[in-house]
């Protein structure tokens, strides 16, 4: 059980970091679930099956660094505002946001 306890906290930080990465990918690709699925599959394919704790720790550190870079570059917005702007100005919605006040 001691090994599981030592790996739980880094695992949770890794999951949190990957949620930032997946959110950025989803928002940056205008809501493409397919690309988020492909990212998930590529991460699953690259993770070693029976790696040591050090291998997983290195991966978690990498995930955290990537997530922090995304947060810094997007200033914490994760491309959501750009995605929302593209949705509201796309031809299927007309020009700009709908006017519900008139």
C-alpha atoms as a PDB file:
ATOM      1  CA  UNK A   1       0.000   0.000   0.000  1.00  0.00           C
ATOM      2  CA  UNK A   2       2.893   2.388   0.563  1.00  0.00           C
ATOM      3  CA  UNK A   3       3.697   2.418  -3.160  1.00  0.00           C
ATOM      4  CA  UNK A   4       0.124   3.332  -4.032  1.00  0.00           C
ATOM      5  CA  UNK A   5       0.104   6.213  -1.540  1.00  0.00           C
ATOM      6  CA  UNK A   6       3.329   7.643  -2.940  1.00  0.00           C
ATOM      7  CA  UNK A   7       1.967   7.532  -6.477  1.00  0.00           C
ATOM      8  CA  UNK A   8      -1.501   8.912  -5.730  1.00  0.00           C
ATOM      9  CA  UNK A   9      -0.586  12.580  -5.260  1.00  0.00           C
ATOM     10  CA  UNK A  10       1.586  12.804  -8.421  1.00  0.00           C
ATOM     11  CA  UNK A  11      -1.151  10.943 -10.323  1.00  0.00           C
ATOM     12  CA  UNK A  12      -3.741  13.500  -9.239  1.00  0.00           C
ATOM     13  CA  UNK A  13      -1.488  16.376 -10.296  1.00  0.00           C
ATOM     14  CA  UNK A  14      -0.928  14.596 -13.629  1.00  0.00           C
ATOM     15  CA  UNK A  15      -4.673  14.205 -14.171  1.00  0.00           C
ATOM     16  CA  UNK A  16      -5.227  17.859 -13.333  1.00  0.00           C
ATOM     17  CA  UNK A  17      -2.494  18.884 -15.784  1.00  0.00           C
ATOM     18  CA  UNK A  18      -3.915  16.659 -18.517  1.00  0.00           C
ATOM     19  CA  UNK A  19      -7.370  18.142 -17.996  1.00  0.00           C
ATOM     20  CA  UNK A  20      -5.864  21.548 -18.813  1.00  0.00           C
ATOM     21  CA  UNK A  21      -4.226  20.125 -21.943  1.00  0.00           C
ATOM     22  CA  UNK A  22      -7.413  18.363 -23.096  1.00  0.00           C
ATOM     23  CA  UNK A  23      -9.484  21.494 -22.481  1.00  0.00           C
ATOM     24  CA  UNK A  24      -7.058  23.586 -24.515  1.00  0.00           C
ATOM     25  CA  UNK A  25      -7.072  21.053 -27.373  1.00  0.00           C
ATOM     26  CA  UNK A  26     -10.877  20.907 -27.371  1.00  0.00           C
ATOM     27  CA  UNK A  27     -11.244  24.697 -27.338  1.00  0.00           C
ATOM     28  CA  UNK A  28      -8.383  25.340 -29.774  1.00  0.00           C
ATOM     29  CA  UNK A  29      -9.836  22.924 -32.355  1.00  0.00           C
ATOM     30  CA  UNK A  30     -13.294  24.542 -32.191  1.00  0.00           C
ATOM     31  CA  UNK A  31     -14.792  21.732 -30.147  1.00  0.00           C
ATOM     32  CA  UNK A  32     -13.381  18.751 -32.011  1.00  0.00           C
ATOM     33  CA  UNK A  33     -14.004  15.690 -29.887  1.00  0.00           C
ATOM     34  CA  UNK A  34     -12.180  13.564 -32.470  1.00  0.00           C
ATOM     35  CA  UNK A  35      -8.887  15.370 -31.893  1.00  0.00           C
ATOM     36  CA  UNK A  36      -9.315  15.119 -28.123  1.00  0.00           C
ATOM     37  CA  UNK A  37      -9.893  11.370 -28.534  1.00  0.00           C
ATOM     38  CA  UNK A  38      -6.797  11.066 -30.720  1.00  0.00           C
ATOM     39  CA  UNK A  39      -4.750  12.933 -28.117  1.00  0.00           C
ATOM     40  CA  UNK A  40      -6.020  10.593 -25.416  1.00  0.00           C
ATOM     41  CA  UNK A  41      -5.208   7.550 -27.552  1.00  0.00           C
ATOM     42  CA  UNK A  42      -1.708   8.826 -28.295  1.00  0.00           C
ATOM     43  CA  UNK A  43      -1.060   9.402 -24.595  1.00  0.00           C
ATOM     44  CA  UNK A  44      -2.342   5.909 -23.801  1.00  0.00           C
ATOM     45  CA  UNK A  45      -0.117   4.411 -26.506  1.00  0.00           C
ATOM     46  CA  UNK A  46       2.987   6.192 -25.217  1.00  0.00           C
ATOM     47  CA  UNK A  47       2.578   5.367 -21.534  1.00  0.00           C
ATOM     48  CA  UNK A  48       4.738   2.388 -20.636  1.00  0.00           C
ATOM     49  CA  UNK A  49       2.726  -0.582 -19.404  1.00  0.00           C
ATOM     50  CA  UNK A  50       4.919  -1.670 -16.550  1.00  0.00           C
ATOM     51  CA  UNK A  51       7.129   1.343 -16.017  1.00  0.00           C
ATOM     52  CA  UNK A  52       8.707   2.218 -12.727  1.00  0.00           C
ATOM     53  CA  UNK A  53       7.525   5.002 -10.462  1.00  0.00           C
ATOM     54  CA  UNK A  54      10.332   7.209 -11.797  1.00  0.00           C
ATOM     55  CA  UNK A  55       9.039   6.876 -15.360  1.00  0.00           C
ATOM     56  CA  UNK A  56       5.563   7.895 -14.298  1.00  0.00           C
ATOM     57  CA  UNK A  57       6.906  10.763 -12.215  1.00  0.00           C
ATOM     58  CA  UNK A  58       8.815  12.039 -15.248  1.00  0.00           C
ATOM     59  CA  UNK A  59       5.637  11.868 -17.338  1.00  0.00           C
ATOM     60  CA  UNK A  60       3.643  13.711 -14.681  1.00  0.00           C
ATOM     61  CA  UNK A  61       6.284  16.433 -14.531  1.00  0.00           C
ATOM     62  CA  UNK A  62       6.123  16.724 -18.319  1.00  0.00           C
ATOM     63  CA  UNK A  63       2.316  16.998 -18.219  1.00  0.00           C
ATOM     64  CA  UNK A  64       2.511  19.684 -15.538  1.00  0.00           C
ATOM     65  CA  UNK A  65       5.099  21.693 -17.488  1.00  0.00           C
ATOM     66  CA  UNK A  66       2.997  21.521 -20.670  1.00  0.00           C
ATOM     67  CA  UNK A  67      -0.134  22.556 -18.761  1.00  0.00           C
ATOM     68  CA  UNK A  68       1.667  25.491 -17.140  1.00  0.00           C
ATOM     69  CA  UNK A  69       2.988  26.623 -20.527  1.00  0.00           C
ATOM     70  CA  UNK A  70      -0.518  26.493 -21.987  1.00  0.00           C
ATOM     71  CA  UNK A  71      -1.889  28.466 -19.042  1.00  0.00           C
ATOM     72  CA  UNK A  72       0.864  31.089 -19.380  1.00  0.00           C
ATOM     73  CA  UNK A  73       0.563  31.434 -23.162  1.00  0.00           C
ATOM     74  CA  UNK A  74      -3.240  31.636 -23.164  1.00  0.00           C
ATOM     75  CA  UNK A  75      -3.268  33.773 -20.007  1.00  0.00           C
ATOM     76  CA  UNK A  76      -5.568  31.236 -18.367  1.00  0.00           C
ATOM     77  CA  UNK A  77      -8.296  31.381 -21.016  1.00  0.00           C
ATOM     78  CA  UNK A  78      -7.326  28.097 -22.753  1.00  0.00           C
ATOM     79  CA  UNK A  79      -8.505  29.537 -26.109  1.00  0.00           C
ATOM     80  CA  UNK A  80     -12.121  29.553 -24.905  1.00  0.00           C
ATOM     81  CA  UNK A  81     -12.839  33.180 -25.819  1.00  0.00           C
ATOM     82  CA  UNK A  82     -11.522  32.701 -29.357  1.00  0.00           C
ATOM     83  CA  UNK A  83     -13.608  29.539 -29.734  1.00  0.00           C
ATOM     84  CA  UNK A  84     -16.700  31.313 -28.426  1.00  0.00           C
ATOM     85  CA  UNK A  85     -16.105  34.281 -30.761  1.00  0.00           C
ATOM     86  CA  UNK A  86     -15.779  31.950 -33.758  1.00  0.00           C
ATOM     87  CA  UNK A  87     -19.023  30.187 -32.804  1.00  0.00           C
ATOM     88  CA  UNK A  88     -20.961  33.443 -32.546  1.00  0.00           C
ATOM     89  CA  UNK A  89     -19.660  34.896 -35.813  1.00  0.00           C
ATOM     90  CA  UNK A  90     -19.856  31.755 -37.943  1.00  0.00           C
ATOM     91  CA  UNK A  91     -22.259  31.843 -40.929  1.00  0.00           C
ATOM     92  CA  UNK A  92     -24.714  29.394 -39.366  1.00  0.00           C
ATOM     93  CA  UNK A  93     -25.367  31.850 -36.538  1.00  0.00           C
ATOM     94  CA  UNK A  94     -25.429  34.941 -38.734  1.00  0.00           C
ATOM     95  CA  UNK A  95     -23.362  38.016 -38.005  1.00  0.00           C
ATOM     96  CA  UNK A  96     -22.649  38.398 -34.337  1.00  0.00           C
ATOM     97  CA  UNK A  97     -24.679  37.263 -31.386  1.00  0.00           C
ATOM     98  CA  UNK A  98     -28.442  36.991 -31.781  1.00  0.00           C
ATOM     99  CA  UNK A  99     -30.428  39.975 -30.550  1.00  0.00           C
ATOM    100  CA  UNK A 100     -33.041  38.742 -28.099  1.00  0.00           C
ATOM    101  CA  UNK A 101     -33.951  42.211 -26.836  1.00  0.00           C
ATOM    102  CA  UNK A 102     -36.036  43.382 -29.806  1.00  0.00           C
END
